[in-house]
Amino acid sequence: MPYVITARHHMLAPAKNMTDVAGWDSDARGGNGAPPIYQSRPEAVAALAALESDVYYTRHGESGRPSYRIRTVASLPAYLALEI
Protein backbone atom coordinates (compact mmCIF):
# COMPACT_ATOMS: atom_id res chain seq x y z
CA MET A 1 0.00 0.00 0.00
CA PRO A 2 1.61 3.33 -1.02
CA TYR A 3 2.02 6.15 1.52
CA VAL A 4 2.67 9.88 1.42
CA ILE A 5 3.53 12.39 4.12
CA THR A 6 1.23 15.38 4.33
CA ALA A 7 2.26 18.68 5.89
CA ARG A 8 -0.29 20.99 7.49
CA HIS A 9 1.10 24.52 7.41
CA HIS A 10 -0.04 26.74 10.27
CA MET A 11 -0.37 30.31 9.07
CA LEU A 12 -0.68 33.47 11.15
CA ALA A 13 -4.13 33.97 9.62
CA PRO A 14 -5.99 30.78 10.74
CA ALA A 15 -8.35 30.74 7.77
CA LYS A 16 -5.32 30.27 5.53
CA ASN A 17 -4.00 27.02 7.05
CA MET A 18 -3.28 24.53 4.27
CA THR A 19 -2.26 20.93 3.76
CA ASP A 20 -0.01 19.64 1.01
CA VAL A 21 2.21 16.64 0.30
CA ALA A 22 5.53 17.14 2.10
CA GLY A 23 8.55 17.35 -0.16
CA TRP A 24 6.54 17.67 -3.36
CA ASP A 25 7.69 20.20 -5.95
CA SER A 26 4.85 20.10 -8.41
CA ASP A 27 5.15 21.17 -12.03
CA ALA A 28 3.46 24.44 -11.08
CA ARG A 29 6.31 25.15 -8.65
CA GLY A 30 9.04 24.20 -11.13
CA GLY A 31 9.51 20.64 -9.89
CA ASN A 32 9.35 17.29 -11.62
CA GLY A 33 5.65 16.79 -10.89
CA ALA A 34 6.12 13.56 -8.92
CA PRO A 35 5.29 13.57 -5.19
CA PRO A 36 7.40 11.38 -2.90
CA ILE A 37 5.48 8.10 -2.54
CA TYR A 38 6.71 5.45 -0.10
CA GLN A 39 5.96 1.78 -0.71
CA SER A 40 5.92 0.80 2.98
CA ARG A 41 5.00 2.45 6.25
CA PRO A 42 8.53 1.95 7.74
CA GLU A 43 9.97 3.76 4.71
CA ALA A 44 7.53 6.65 5.29
CA VAL A 45 8.36 6.72 9.03
CA ALA A 46 12.08 7.01 8.20
CA ALA A 47 11.39 9.84 5.74
CA LEU A 48 9.25 11.61 8.36
CA ALA A 49 12.02 11.33 10.95
CA ALA A 50 14.42 12.90 8.45
CA LEU A 51 11.95 15.76 7.78
CA GLU A 52 11.52 16.45 11.49
CA SER A 53 15.24 16.41 12.22
CA ASP A 54 16.15 18.77 9.38
CA VAL A 55 16.22 22.57 9.69
CA TYR A 56 12.90 24.06 8.61
CA TYR A 57 12.58 27.57 7.21
CA THR A 58 9.11 29.03 7.54
CA ARG A 59 7.21 30.46 4.61
CA HIS A 60 5.97 34.04 4.60
CA GLY A 61 3.16 34.25 7.17
CA GLU A 62 3.79 30.77 8.59
CA SER A 63 3.83 30.54 12.38
CA GLY A 64 6.20 27.56 12.71
CA ARG A 65 7.05 24.08 11.51
CA PRO A 66 4.16 22.22 9.86
CA SER A 67 2.58 19.21 11.51
CA TYR A 68 3.25 16.06 9.49
CA ARG A 69 1.05 13.01 9.02
CA ILE A 70 1.62 9.71 7.21
CA ARG A 71 -1.37 8.80 5.05
CA THR A 72 -2.18 6.18 2.49
CA VAL A 73 -2.60 7.55 -1.01
CA ALA A 74 -6.18 6.24 -0.98
CA SER A 75 -7.04 8.34 2.11
CA LEU A 76 -5.89 11.68 0.67
CA PRO A 77 -8.43 14.50 0.33
CA ALA A 78 -9.79 14.80 -3.20
CA TYR A 79 -7.91 18.02 -3.97
CA LEU A 80 -4.58 16.24 -3.29
CA ALA A 81 -5.49 12.84 -4.71
CA LEU A 82 -6.47 14.32 -8.07
CA GLU A 83 -2.97 15.72 -8.52
CA ILE A 84 -1.07 12.48 -7.81
PDB file of N, CA and C in Angstrom:
ATOM      1  N   MET A   1       0.849  -1.172   0.000  1.00  0.00           N
ATOM      2  CA  MET A   1       0.000   0.000   0.000  1.00  0.00           C
ATOM      3  C   MET A   1       0.899   1.242   0.000  1.00  0.00           C
ATOM      4  N   PRO A   2       0.753   2.145  -0.964  1.00  0.00           N
ATOM      5  CA  PRO A   2       1.610   3.332  -1.020  1.00  0.00           C
ATOM      6  C   PRO A   2       1.204   4.405   0.002  1.00  0.00           C
ATOM      7  N   TYR A   3       2.216   5.116   0.507  1.00  0.00           N
ATOM      8  CA  TYR A   3       2.018   6.148   1.525  1.00  0.00           C
ATOM      9  C   TYR A   3       2.619   7.467   1.063  1.00  0.00           C
ATOM     10  N   VAL A   4       2.090   8.558   1.591  1.00  0.00           N
ATOM     11  CA  VAL A   4       2.669   9.881   1.424  1.00  0.00           C
ATOM     12  C   VAL A   4       2.703  10.549   2.796  1.00  0.00           C
ATOM     13  N   ILE A   5       3.500  11.594   2.896  1.00  0.00           N
ATOM     14  CA  ILE A   5       3.531  12.394   4.115  1.00  0.00           C
ATOM     15  C   ILE A   5       2.883  13.732   3.782  1.00  0.00           C
ATOM     16  N   THR A   6       1.850  14.077   4.535  1.00  0.00           N
ATOM     17  CA  THR A   6       1.227  15.383   4.326  1.00  0.00           C
ATOM     18  C   THR A   6       1.759  16.361   5.368  1.00  0.00           C
ATOM     19  N   ALA A   7       1.811  17.616   4.989  1.00  0.00           N
ATOM     20  CA  ALA A   7       2.261  18.680   5.887  1.00  0.00           C
ATOM     21  C   ALA A   7       1.136  19.699   6.021  1.00  0.00           C
ATOM     22  N   ARG A   8       0.720  19.938   7.243  1.00  0.00           N
ATOM     23  CA  ARG A   8      -0.292  20.986   7.489  1.00  0.00           C
ATOM     24  C   ARG A   8       0.464  22.229   7.943  1.00  0.00           C
ATOM     25  N   HIS A   9       0.394  23.268   7.131  1.00  0.00           N
ATOM     26  CA  HIS A   9       1.096  24.518   7.406  1.00  0.00           C
ATOM     27  C   HIS A   9       0.193  25.424   8.228  1.00  0.00           C
ATOM     28  N   HIS A  10       0.713  25.891   9.350  1.00  0.00           N
ATOM     29  CA  HIS A  10      -0.044  26.741  10.270  1.00  0.00           C
ATOM     30  C   HIS A  10       0.338  28.193  10.005  1.00  0.00           C
ATOM     31  N   MET A  11      -0.618  28.930   9.465  1.00  0.00           N
ATOM     32  CA  MET A  11      -0.368  30.308   9.073  1.00  0.00           C
ATOM     33  C   MET A  11      -0.833  31.262  10.179  1.00  0.00           C
ATOM     34  N   LEU A  12      -0.298  32.473  10.157  1.00  0.00           N
ATOM     35  CA  LEU A  12      -0.685  33.467  11.155  1.00  0.00           C
ATOM     36  C   LEU A  12      -2.159  33.831  11.029  1.00  0.00           C
ATOM     37  N   ALA A  13      -2.699  33.767   9.828  1.00  0.00           N
ATOM     38  CA  ALA A  13      -4.135  33.971   9.618  1.00  0.00           C
ATOM     39  C   ALA A  13      -4.778  32.585   9.572  1.00  0.00           C
ATOM     40  N   PRO A  14      -5.494  32.161  10.639  1.00  0.00           N
ATOM     41  CA  PRO A  14      -5.989  30.782  10.739  1.00  0.00           C
ATOM     42  C   PRO A  14      -6.805  30.290   9.546  1.00  0.00           C
ATOM     43  N   ALA A  15      -7.530  31.167   8.905  1.00  0.00           N
ATOM     44  CA  ALA A  15      -8.346  30.737   7.770  1.00  0.00           C
ATOM     45  C   ALA A  15      -7.486  30.317   6.588  1.00  0.00           C
ATOM     46  N   LYS A  16      -6.192  30.579   6.652  1.00  0.00           N
ATOM     47  CA  LYS A  16      -5.322  30.271   5.531  1.00  0.00           C
ATOM     48  C   LYS A  16      -4.468  29.031   5.769  1.00  0.00           C
ATOM     49  N   ASN A  17      -4.733  28.263   6.841  1.00  0.00           N
ATOM     50  CA  ASN A  17      -3.998  27.021   7.052  1.00  0.00           C
ATOM     51  C   ASN A  17      -4.200  26.128   5.848  1.00  0.00           C
ATOM     52  N   MET A  18      -3.167  25.367   5.459  1.00  0.00           N
ATOM     53  CA  MET A  18      -3.276  24.528   4.265  1.00  0.00           C
ATOM     54  C   MET A  18      -2.508  23.236   4.464  1.00  0.00           C
ATOM     55  N   THR A  19      -2.917  22.224   3.731  1.00  0.00           N
ATOM     56  CA  THR A  19      -2.264  20.928   3.762  1.00  0.00           C
ATOM     57  C   THR A  19      -1.781  20.594   2.362  1.00  0.00           C
ATOM     58  N   ASP A  20      -0.534  20.108   2.285  1.00  0.00           N
ATOM     59  CA  ASP A  20      -0.008  19.638   1.009  1.00  0.00           C
ATOM     60  C   ASP A  20       0.834  18.393   1.249  1.00  0.00           C
ATOM     61  N   VAL A  21       1.355  17.822   0.182  1.00  0.00           N
ATOM     62  CA  VAL A  21       2.207  16.643   0.303  1.00  0.00           C
ATOM     63  C   VAL A  21       3.626  17.123   0.578  1.00  0.00           C
ATOM     64  N   ALA A  22       4.199  16.688   1.698  1.00  0.00           N
ATOM     65  CA  ALA A  22       5.526  17.140   2.101  1.00  0.00           C
ATOM     66  C   ALA A  22       6.582  16.718   1.082  1.00  0.00           C
ATOM     67  N   GLY A  23       7.453  17.640   0.749  1.00  0.00           N
ATOM     68  CA  GLY A  23       8.551  17.348  -0.158  1.00  0.00           C
ATOM     69  C   GLY A  23       8.199  17.334  -1.626  1.00  0.00           C
ATOM     70  N   TRP A  24       6.983  17.732  -1.972  1.00  0.00           N
ATOM     71  CA  TRP A  24       6.536  17.672  -3.355  1.00  0.00           C
ATOM     72  C   TRP A  24       6.746  19.009  -4.043  1.00  0.00           C
ATOM     73  N   ASP A  25       7.544  19.021  -5.094  1.00  0.00           N
ATOM     74  CA  ASP A  25       7.695  20.197  -5.949  1.00  0.00           C
ATOM     75  C   ASP A  25       6.916  19.902  -7.215  1.00  0.00           C
ATOM     76  N   SER A  26       5.693  20.378  -7.260  1.00  0.00           N
ATOM     77  CA  SER A  26       4.845  20.099  -8.412  1.00  0.00           C
ATOM     78  C   SER A  26       5.331  20.850  -9.642  1.00  0.00           C
ATOM     79  N   ASP A  27       4.800  20.482 -10.782  1.00  0.00           N
ATOM     80  CA  ASP A  27       5.149  21.174 -12.028  1.00  0.00           C
ATOM     81  C   ASP A  27       4.893  22.676 -11.905  1.00  0.00           C
ATOM     82  N   ALA A  28       3.813  23.034 -11.223  1.00  0.00           N
ATOM     83  CA  ALA A  28       3.456  24.442 -11.076  1.00  0.00           C
ATOM     84  C   ALA A  28       4.513  25.215 -10.296  1.00  0.00           C
ATOM     85  N   ARG A  29       5.262  24.494  -9.446  1.00  0.00           N
ATOM     86  CA  ARG A  29       6.308  25.148  -8.654  1.00  0.00           C
ATOM     87  C   ARG A  29       7.696  24.882  -9.241  1.00  0.00           C
ATOM     88  N   GLY A  30       7.751  24.416 -10.483  1.00  0.00           N
ATOM     89  CA  GLY A  30       9.037  24.202 -11.134  1.00  0.00           C
ATOM     90  C   GLY A  30       9.694  22.866 -10.819  1.00  0.00           C
ATOM     91  N   GLY A  31       8.951  21.947 -10.240  1.00  0.00           N
ATOM     92  CA  GLY A  31       9.507  20.642  -9.888  1.00  0.00           C
ATOM     93  C   GLY A  31       9.285  19.619 -10.982  1.00  0.00           C
ATOM     94  N   ASN A  32       9.503  18.358 -10.631  1.00  0.00           N
ATOM     95  CA  ASN A  32       9.352  17.289 -11.624  1.00  0.00           C
ATOM     96  C   ASN A  32       7.935  16.722 -11.678  1.00  0.00           C
ATOM     97  N   GLY A  33       7.039  17.210 -10.846  1.00  0.00           N
ATOM     98  CA  GLY A  33       5.649  16.785 -10.895  1.00  0.00           C
ATOM     99  C   GLY A  33       5.341  15.489 -10.175  1.00  0.00           C
ATOM    100  N   ALA A  34       6.335  14.842  -9.593  1.00  0.00           N
ATOM    101  CA  ALA A  34       6.116  13.558  -8.920  1.00  0.00           C
ATOM    102  C   ALA A  34       6.253  13.720  -7.407  1.00  0.00           C
ATOM    103  N   PRO A  35       5.173  13.482  -6.645  1.00  0.00           N
ATOM    104  CA  PRO A  35       5.290  13.574  -5.191  1.00  0.00           C
ATOM    105  C   PRO A  35       6.067  12.376  -4.651  1.00  0.00           C
ATOM    106  N   PRO A  36       6.722  12.536  -3.503  1.00  0.00           N
ATOM    107  CA  PRO A  36       7.399  11.382  -2.902  1.00  0.00           C
ATOM    108  C   PRO A  36       6.363  10.376  -2.399  1.00  0.00           C
ATOM    109  N   ILE A  37       6.396   9.177  -2.952  1.00  0.00           N
ATOM    110  CA  ILE A  37       5.483   8.102  -2.538  1.00  0.00           C
ATOM    111  C   ILE A  37       6.336   6.975  -1.975  1.00  0.00           C
ATOM    112  N   TYR A  38       5.957   6.496  -0.799  1.00  0.00           N
ATOM    113  CA  TYR A  38       6.712   5.448  -0.096  1.00  0.00           C
ATOM    114  C   TYR A  38       5.933   4.147  -0.181  1.00  0.00           C
ATOM    115  N   GLN A  39       6.615   3.068  -0.488  1.00  0.00           N
ATOM    116  CA  GLN A  39       5.960   1.782  -0.712  1.00  0.00           C
ATOM    117  C   GLN A  39       5.638   1.031   0.577  1.00  0.00           C
ATOM    118  N   SER A  40       6.225   1.452   1.704  1.00  0.00           N
ATOM    119  CA  SER A  40       5.923   0.796   2.981  1.00  0.00           C
ATOM    120  C   SER A  40       5.837   1.850   4.080  1.00  0.00           C
ATOM    121  N   ARG A  41       5.123   1.514   5.128  1.00  0.00           N
ATOM    122  CA  ARG A  41       5.005   2.446   6.254  1.00  0.00           C
ATOM    123  C   ARG A  41       6.358   2.697   6.921  1.00  0.00           C
ATOM    124  N   PRO A  42       7.213   1.676   7.141  1.00  0.00           N
ATOM    125  CA  PRO A  42       8.527   1.953   7.737  1.00  0.00           C
ATOM    126  C   PRO A  42       9.365   2.926   6.894  1.00  0.00           C
ATOM    127  N   GLU A  43       9.255   2.830   5.579  1.00  0.00           N
ATOM    128  CA  GLU A  43       9.974   3.761   4.709  1.00  0.00           C
ATOM    129  C   GLU A  43       9.442   5.191   4.918  1.00  0.00           C
ATOM    130  N   ALA A  44       8.126   5.334   5.045  1.00  0.00           N
ATOM    131  CA  ALA A  44       7.527   6.650   5.288  1.00  0.00           C
ATOM    132  C   ALA A  44       7.912   7.185   6.665  1.00  0.00           C
ATOM    133  N   VAL A  45       7.965   6.313   7.676  1.00  0.00           N
ATOM    134  CA  VAL A  45       8.363   6.722   9.032  1.00  0.00           C
ATOM    135  C   VAL A  45       9.800   7.239   9.019  1.00  0.00           C
ATOM    136  N   ALA A  46      10.681   6.569   8.297  1.00  0.00           N
ATOM    137  CA  ALA A  46      12.080   7.007   8.204  1.00  0.00           C
ATOM    138  C   ALA A  46      12.176   8.367   7.505  1.00  0.00           C
ATOM    139  N   ALA A  47      11.392   8.566   6.453  1.00  0.00           N
ATOM    140  CA  ALA A  47      11.392   9.845   5.745  1.00  0.00           C
ATOM    141  C   ALA A  47      10.838  10.951   6.645  1.00  0.00           C
ATOM    142  N   LEU A  48       9.820  10.645   7.433  1.00  0.00           N
ATOM    143  CA  LEU A  48       9.247  11.614   8.358  1.00  0.00           C
ATOM    144  C   LEU A  48      10.267  11.998   9.431  1.00  0.00           C
ATOM    145  N   ALA A  49      10.986  11.036   9.954  1.00  0.00           N
ATOM    146  CA  ALA A  49      12.023  11.326  10.952  1.00  0.00           C
ATOM    147  C   ALA A  49      13.087  12.250  10.367  1.00  0.00           C
ATOM    148  N   ALA A  50      13.443  12.032   9.105  1.00  0.00           N
ATOM    149  CA  ALA A  50      14.424  12.902   8.445  1.00  0.00           C
ATOM    150  C   ALA A  50      13.869  14.317   8.281  1.00  0.00           C
ATOM    151  N   LEU A  51      12.582  14.438   7.913  1.00  0.00           N
ATOM    152  CA  LEU A  51      11.952  15.757   7.783  1.00  0.00           C
ATOM    153  C   LEU A  51      11.969  16.508   9.113  1.00  0.00           C
ATOM    154  N   GLU A  52      11.622  15.803  10.184  1.00  0.00           N
ATOM    155  CA  GLU A  52      11.521  16.450  11.490  1.00  0.00           C
ATOM    156  C   GLU A  52      12.872  16.794  12.085  1.00  0.00           C
ATOM    157  N   SER A  53      13.931  16.118  11.668  1.00  0.00           N
ATOM    158  CA  SER A  53      15.245  16.408  12.224  1.00  0.00           C
ATOM    159  C   SER A  53      16.000  17.463  11.417  1.00  0.00           C
ATOM    160  N   ASP A  54      15.501  17.796  10.243  1.00  0.00           N
ATOM    161  CA  ASP A  54      16.146  18.773   9.385  1.00  0.00           C
ATOM    162  C   ASP A  54      15.742  20.187   9.800  1.00  0.00           C
ATOM    163  N   VAL A  55      16.563  21.165   9.443  1.00  0.00           N
ATOM    164  CA  VAL A  55      16.219  22.568   9.685  1.00  0.00           C
ATOM    165  C   VAL A  55      15.022  22.922   8.805  1.00  0.00           C
ATOM    166  N   TYR A  56      14.073  23.647   9.373  1.00  0.00           N
ATOM    167  CA  TYR A  56      12.899  24.061   8.613  1.00  0.00           C
ATOM    168  C   TYR A  56      12.855  25.579   8.573  1.00  0.00           C
ATOM    169  N   TYR A  57      12.707  26.129   7.388  1.00  0.00           N
ATOM    170  CA  TYR A  57      12.580  27.569   7.209  1.00  0.00           C
ATOM    171  C   TYR A  57      11.116  27.882   6.908  1.00  0.00           C
ATOM    172  N   THR A  58      10.526  28.732   7.716  1.00  0.00           N
ATOM    173  CA  THR A  58       9.107  29.035   7.544  1.00  0.00           C
ATOM    174  C   THR A  58       8.860  29.853   6.284  1.00  0.00           C
ATOM    175  N   ARG A  59       7.668  29.674   5.746  1.00  0.00           N
ATOM    176  CA  ARG A  59       7.207  30.465   4.609  1.00  0.00           C
ATOM    177  C   ARG A  59       6.733  31.814   5.126  1.00  0.00           C
ATOM    178  N   HIS A  60       6.505  32.734   4.217  1.00  0.00           N
ATOM    179  CA  HIS A  60       5.967  34.036   4.600  1.00  0.00           C
ATOM    180  C   HIS A  60       4.598  33.838   5.255  1.00  0.00           C
ATOM    181  N   GLY A  61       4.434  34.352   6.459  1.00  0.00           N
ATOM    182  CA  GLY A  61       3.161  34.255   7.167  1.00  0.00           C
ATOM    183  C   GLY A  61       2.953  32.947   7.915  1.00  0.00           C
ATOM    184  N   GLU A  62       3.926  32.066   7.901  1.00  0.00           N
ATOM    185  CA  GLU A  62       3.793  30.771   8.586  1.00  0.00           C
ATOM    186  C   GLU A  62       4.259  30.931  10.030  1.00  0.00           C
ATOM    187  N   SER A  63       3.533  30.340  10.971  1.00  0.00           N
ATOM    188  CA  SER A  63       3.834  30.542  12.383  1.00  0.00           C
ATOM    189  C   SER A  63       4.833  29.541  12.960  1.00  0.00           C
ATOM    190  N   GLY A  64       5.229  28.546  12.219  1.00  0.00           N
ATOM    191  CA  GLY A  64       6.196  27.562  12.709  1.00  0.00           C
ATOM    192  C   GLY A  64       6.245  26.354  11.793  1.00  0.00           C
ATOM    193  N   ARG A  65       6.908  25.320  12.276  1.00  0.00           N
ATOM    194  CA  ARG A  65       7.046  24.081  11.507  1.00  0.00           C
ATOM    195  C   ARG A  65       5.673  23.460  11.278  1.00  0.00           C
ATOM    196  N   PRO A  66       5.450  22.878  10.095  1.00  0.00           N
ATOM    197  CA  PRO A  66       4.158  22.216   9.859  1.00  0.00           C
ATOM    198  C   PRO A  66       4.022  20.954  10.706  1.00  0.00           C
ATOM    199  N   SER A  67       2.804  20.510  10.875  1.00  0.00           N
ATOM    200  CA  SER A  67       2.579  19.214  11.506  1.00  0.00           C
ATOM    201  C   SER A  67       2.471  18.187  10.375  1.00  0.00           C
ATOM    202  N   TYR A  68       3.182  17.086  10.524  1.00  0.00           N
ATOM    203  CA  TYR A  68       3.253  16.063   9.487  1.00  0.00           C
ATOM    204  C   TYR A  68       2.368  14.883   9.847  1.00  0.00           C
ATOM    205  N   ARG A  69       1.889  14.193   8.823  1.00  0.00           N
ATOM    206  CA  ARG A  69       1.048  13.007   9.021  1.00  0.00           C
ATOM    207  C   ARG A  69       1.310  12.031   7.881  1.00  0.00           C
ATOM    208  N   ILE A  70       1.466  10.761   8.216  1.00  0.00           N
ATOM    209  CA  ILE A  70       1.623   9.708   7.209  1.00  0.00           C
ATOM    210  C   ILE A  70       0.231   9.225   6.833  1.00  0.00           C
ATOM    211  N   ARG A  71      -0.049   9.221   5.528  1.00  0.00           N
ATOM    212  CA  ARG A  71      -1.371   8.796   5.053  1.00  0.00           C
ATOM    213  C   ARG A  71      -1.202   7.857   3.875  1.00  0.00           C
ATOM    214  N   THR A  72      -2.167   6.985   3.707  1.00  0.00           N
ATOM    215  CA  THR A  72      -2.185   6.178   2.492  1.00  0.00           C
ATOM    216  C   THR A  72      -2.641   7.073   1.343  1.00  0.00           C
ATOM    217  N   VAL A  73      -2.195   6.761   0.158  1.00  0.00           N
ATOM    218  CA  VAL A  73      -2.598   7.550  -1.007  1.00  0.00           C
ATOM    219  C   VAL A  73      -4.118   7.519  -1.148  1.00  0.00           C
ATOM    220  N   ALA A  74      -4.727   6.382  -0.849  1.00  0.00           N
ATOM    221  CA  ALA A  74      -6.180   6.240  -0.983  1.00  0.00           C
ATOM    222  C   ALA A  74      -6.956   7.125  -0.005  1.00  0.00           C
ATOM    223  N   SER A  75      -6.329   7.540   1.105  1.00  0.00           N
ATOM    224  CA  SER A  75      -7.037   8.344   2.108  1.00  0.00           C
ATOM    225  C   SER A  75      -6.825   9.847   1.938  1.00  0.00           C
ATOM    226  N   LEU A  76      -6.136  10.254   0.884  1.00  0.00           N
ATOM    227  CA  LEU A  76      -5.894  11.680   0.673  1.00  0.00           C
ATOM    228  C   LEU A  76      -7.181  12.419   0.342  1.00  0.00           C
ATOM    229  N   PRO A  77      -7.281  13.684   0.750  1.00  0.00           N
ATOM    230  CA  PRO A  77      -8.432  14.496   0.333  1.00  0.00           C
ATOM    231  C   PRO A  77      -8.466  14.598  -1.192  1.00  0.00           C
ATOM    232  N   ALA A  78      -9.619  14.788  -1.742  1.00  0.00           N
ATOM    233  CA  ALA A  78      -9.786  14.802  -3.199  1.00  0.00           C
ATOM    234  C   ALA A  78      -8.886  15.812  -3.878  1.00  0.00           C
ATOM    235  N   TYR A  79      -8.723  17.005  -3.294  1.00  0.00           N
ATOM    236  CA  TYR A  79      -7.913  18.021  -3.969  1.00  0.00           C
ATOM    237  C   TYR A  79      -6.435  17.619  -4.069  1.00  0.00           C
ATOM    238  N   LEU A  80      -5.948  16.750  -3.166  1.00  0.00           N
ATOM    239  CA  LEU A  80      -4.580  16.243  -3.291  1.00  0.00           C
ATOM    240  C   LEU A  80      -4.527  14.986  -4.152  1.00  0.00           C
ATOM    241  N   ALA A  81      -5.498  14.118  -3.972  1.00  0.00           N
ATOM    242  CA  ALA A  81      -5.494  12.841  -4.707  1.00  0.00           C
ATOM    243  C   ALA A  81      -5.595  13.056  -6.208  1.00  0.00           C
ATOM    244  N   LEU A  82      -6.319  14.073  -6.636  1.00  0.00           N
ATOM    245  CA  LEU A  82      -6.471  14.322  -8.073  1.00  0.00           C
ATOM    246  C   LEU A  82      -5.164  14.722  -8.738  1.00  0.00           C
ATOM    247  N   GLU A  83      -4.235  15.253  -7.953  1.00  0.00           N
ATOM    248  CA  GLU A  83      -2.967  15.721  -8.523  1.00  0.00           C
ATOM    249  C   GLU A  83      -1.898  14.642  -8.569  1.00  0.00           C
ATOM    250  N   ILE A  84      -2.111  13.539  -7.866  1.00  0.00           N
ATOM    251  CA  ILE A  84      -1.073  12.485  -7.811  1.00  0.00           C
ATOM    252  C   ILE A  84      -1.225  11.534  -8.979  1.00  0.00           C
TER     253      ILE A  84
END
